[in-house]
Amino acid sequence: MENTNLNKALNEAGKFINERFKAEAKEKGHIATEKLDKSFRYTVVANELKFFSEEYAKAISGGVSKGNGSKEAFKRKMINIEEWASKKGIVPRDKNGKFLKRTKSAIRNMVFNISVGIGRNGISKRFGYKGSGFIQTVKDQTGKKLMEMIDEGYRKDLEAKLDTIKKTK
């Protein structure tokens, strides 16, 4: 069965949910580099709706578990943190709080210490180190509407198929 209406509904749902992800992330204050906002996208393939974003979106939303990750994951996290710190204007300081020269070494140490702090405590103090929950919020807010959109598209495709069968008899 050709699912033209279902695919249209999935595309509409994708656009709607993508906009909700962007709005919710912005509302929760996840706009430092705008990289997250620009990364939200979706595809519809074989009657399936898939969403994509920056790798760290899940960590921002759901928090991070304490403990060690792989060295590669740690390096990727540090690159993202360096970019974030730069956009936020966060600069290296010594243990007394005095600003340090922005040398590569001082920045690397600062980013490393932020990474270690995230590993020990979690992602964000303002959300109780548990993440902002913006992904779950969007799921909760859009679940019913998403199902209605998909049901409607599928219903139209079924009706069209039944009409075609009736005409051939």
Protein backbone atom coordinates (compact mmCIF):
# COMPACT_ATOMS: atom_id res chain seq x y z
CA MET A 1 0.00 0.00 0.00
CA GLU A 2 1.27 3.43 -0.91
CA ASN A 3 1.35 5.64 2.18
CA THR A 4 1.33 9.10 0.64
CA ASN A 5 -0.86 10.63 3.36
CA LEU A 6 1.01 8.88 6.14
CA ASN A 7 4.33 10.24 4.85
CA LYS A 8 2.81 13.73 4.60
CA ALA A 9 1.58 13.41 8.18
CA LEU A 10 4.99 12.18 9.34
CA ASN A 11 6.67 15.17 7.66
CA GLU A 12 4.21 17.57 9.30
CA ALA A 13 4.78 15.86 12.64
CA GLY A 14 8.56 16.07 12.13
CA LYS A 15 8.39 19.81 11.46
CA PHE A 16 6.10 20.35 14.44
CA ILE A 17 8.24 18.35 16.87
CA ASN A 18 11.47 19.87 15.56
CA GLU A 19 10.10 23.34 16.28
CA ARG A 20 9.08 22.20 19.77
CA PHE A 21 12.60 20.85 20.41
CA LYS A 22 14.09 24.18 19.37
CA ALA A 23 11.63 26.21 21.43
CA GLU A 24 11.99 24.04 24.54
CA ALA A 25 15.80 24.02 24.34
CA LYS A 26 15.77 27.81 23.99
CA GLU A 27 13.32 28.18 26.88
CA LYS A 28 15.63 26.08 29.10
CA GLY A 29 18.56 28.33 28.16
CA HIS A 30 20.49 25.94 25.90
CA ILE A 31 21.50 28.61 23.40
CA ALA A 32 25.13 29.41 24.14
CA THR A 33 26.62 28.40 20.80
CA GLU A 34 23.36 27.92 18.82
CA LYS A 35 24.93 24.69 17.61
CA LEU A 36 22.27 22.61 19.37
CA ASP A 37 19.41 24.64 17.88
CA LYS A 38 20.76 24.26 14.36
CA SER A 39 21.35 20.54 14.80
CA PHE A 40 17.72 19.50 15.27
CA ARG A 41 16.51 17.70 12.16
CA TYR A 42 14.37 14.77 11.12
CA THR A 43 13.88 12.35 8.26
CA VAL A 44 11.00 10.21 7.07
CA VAL A 45 12.18 6.92 5.59
CA ALA A 46 10.00 3.86 4.93
CA ASN A 47 7.08 5.23 7.00
CA GLU A 48 9.37 5.92 9.94
CA LEU A 49 10.09 9.30 11.55
CA LYS A 50 13.61 9.72 12.94
CA PHE A 51 15.05 12.68 14.83
CA PHE A 52 18.67 13.81 15.02
CA SER A 53 20.63 16.41 16.97
CA GLU A 54 24.05 17.10 18.40
CA GLU A 55 25.37 14.21 20.44
CA TYR A 56 25.33 16.24 23.66
CA ALA A 57 21.57 17.03 23.47
CA LYS A 58 20.77 13.85 25.37
CA ALA A 59 23.27 14.77 28.11
CA ILE A 60 21.87 18.29 28.46
CA SER A 61 18.32 16.98 28.64
CA GLY A 62 18.76 13.84 30.70
CA GLY A 63 21.93 14.66 32.58
CA VAL A 64 25.03 12.51 32.66
CA SER A 65 25.81 9.62 34.89
CA LYS A 66 28.69 10.02 37.24
CA GLY A 67 31.82 8.08 36.50
CA ASN A 68 34.24 7.53 33.69
CA GLY A 69 33.46 7.25 30.02
CA SER A 70 35.72 6.31 27.17
CA LYS A 71 38.73 8.48 26.37
CA GLU A 72 37.23 9.34 22.96
CA ALA A 73 33.95 10.47 24.54
CA PHE A 74 35.94 12.54 27.03
CA LYS A 75 37.91 14.23 24.22
CA ARG A 76 34.69 15.05 22.29
CA LYS A 77 33.15 16.45 25.47
CA MET A 78 36.20 18.66 26.02
CA ILE A 79 35.99 20.09 22.48
CA ASN A 80 32.32 20.98 23.01
CA ILE A 81 33.07 22.48 26.41
CA GLU A 82 35.89 24.62 25.00
CA GLU A 83 33.56 26.05 22.35
CA TRP A 84 30.79 26.58 24.92
CA ALA A 85 33.12 28.30 27.39
CA SER A 86 34.43 30.59 24.67
CA LYS A 87 30.89 31.62 23.61
CA LYS A 88 29.89 32.19 27.24
CA GLY A 89 33.00 34.29 27.89
CA ILE A 90 34.27 31.91 30.56
CA VAL A 91 37.98 32.41 31.07
CA PRO A 92 40.60 30.54 33.10
CA ARG A 93 41.17 31.51 36.71
CA ASP A 94 43.62 30.39 39.34
CA LYS A 95 42.55 28.72 42.59
CA ASN A 96 42.11 32.15 44.21
CA GLY A 97 39.75 33.31 41.46
CA LYS A 98 42.19 35.64 39.70
CA PHE A 99 41.97 35.69 35.93
CA LEU A 100 44.79 33.98 34.06
CA LYS A 101 46.23 34.78 30.66
CA ARG A 102 44.28 33.00 27.95
CA THR A 103 47.03 30.63 26.95
CA LYS A 104 46.34 27.30 25.28
CA SER A 105 47.54 25.52 28.40
CA ALA A 106 45.34 27.56 30.77
CA ILE A 107 42.28 27.01 28.56
CA ARG A 108 42.99 23.28 28.28
CA ASN A 109 43.31 23.02 32.08
CA MET A 110 40.07 24.95 32.59
CA VAL A 111 38.19 22.74 30.12
CA PHE A 112 39.65 19.62 31.71
CA ASN A 113 38.51 20.77 35.16
CA ILE A 114 35.01 21.57 33.88
CA SER A 115 34.89 18.09 32.28
CA VAL A 116 35.97 16.45 35.52
CA GLY A 117 33.34 18.46 37.41
CA ILE A 118 30.64 17.32 35.00
CA GLY A 119 31.82 13.75 35.41
CA ARG A 120 31.64 14.02 39.20
CA ASN A 121 28.51 16.12 39.67
CA GLY A 122 26.46 16.15 36.49
CA ILE A 123 25.74 18.65 33.77
CA SER A 124 24.09 21.75 35.24
CA LYS A 125 23.70 23.14 38.74
CA ARG A 126 20.54 25.07 37.82
CA PHE A 127 18.75 21.80 37.00
CA GLY A 128 20.00 20.03 40.12
CA TYR A 129 22.75 18.30 38.09
CA LYS A 130 20.08 16.11 36.51
CA GLY A 131 19.63 17.74 33.11
CA SER A 132 16.84 20.06 31.99
CA GLY A 133 14.48 17.36 30.70
CA PHE A 134 13.63 19.32 27.55
CA ILE A 135 13.41 16.17 25.38
CA GLN A 136 10.96 14.48 27.76
CA THR A 137 8.95 17.71 28.00
CA VAL A 138 8.55 17.76 24.21
CA LYS A 139 7.57 14.07 24.21
CA ASP A 140 4.96 14.72 26.89
CA GLN A 141 3.58 17.82 25.15
CA THR A 142 3.43 16.42 21.63
CA GLY A 143 2.66 12.73 22.07
CA LYS A 144 -1.12 13.00 21.71
CA LYS A 145 -0.99 15.43 18.79
CA LEU A 146 1.65 13.28 17.06
CA MET A 147 -0.56 10.21 17.31
CA GLU A 148 -3.55 12.14 15.97
CA MET A 149 -1.53 13.37 12.97
CA ILE A 150 -0.22 9.91 12.16
CA ASP A 151 -3.62 8.25 12.68
CA GLU A 152 -5.24 10.75 10.31
CA GLY A 153 -2.63 10.18 7.58
CA TYR A 154 -2.91 6.41 7.91
CA ARG A 155 -6.73 6.57 7.90
CA LYS A 156 -6.70 8.57 4.64
CA ASP A 157 -4.35 6.03 3.05
CA LEU A 158 -6.61 3.15 4.12
CA GLU A 159 -9.68 4.90 2.75
CA ALA A 160 -7.91 5.54 -0.54
CA LYS A 161 -6.89 1.87 -0.77
CA LEU A 162 -10.44 0.72 -0.01
CA ASP A 163 -11.82 3.08 -2.65
CA THR A 164 -9.35 1.62 -5.18
CA ILE A 165 -10.42 -1.93 -4.29
CA LYS A 166 -14.13 -1.04 -4.62
CA LYS A 167 -13.54 0.51 -8.07
CA THR A 168 -11.76 -2.60 -9.37
CA LYS A 169 -14.66 -4.90 -8.39
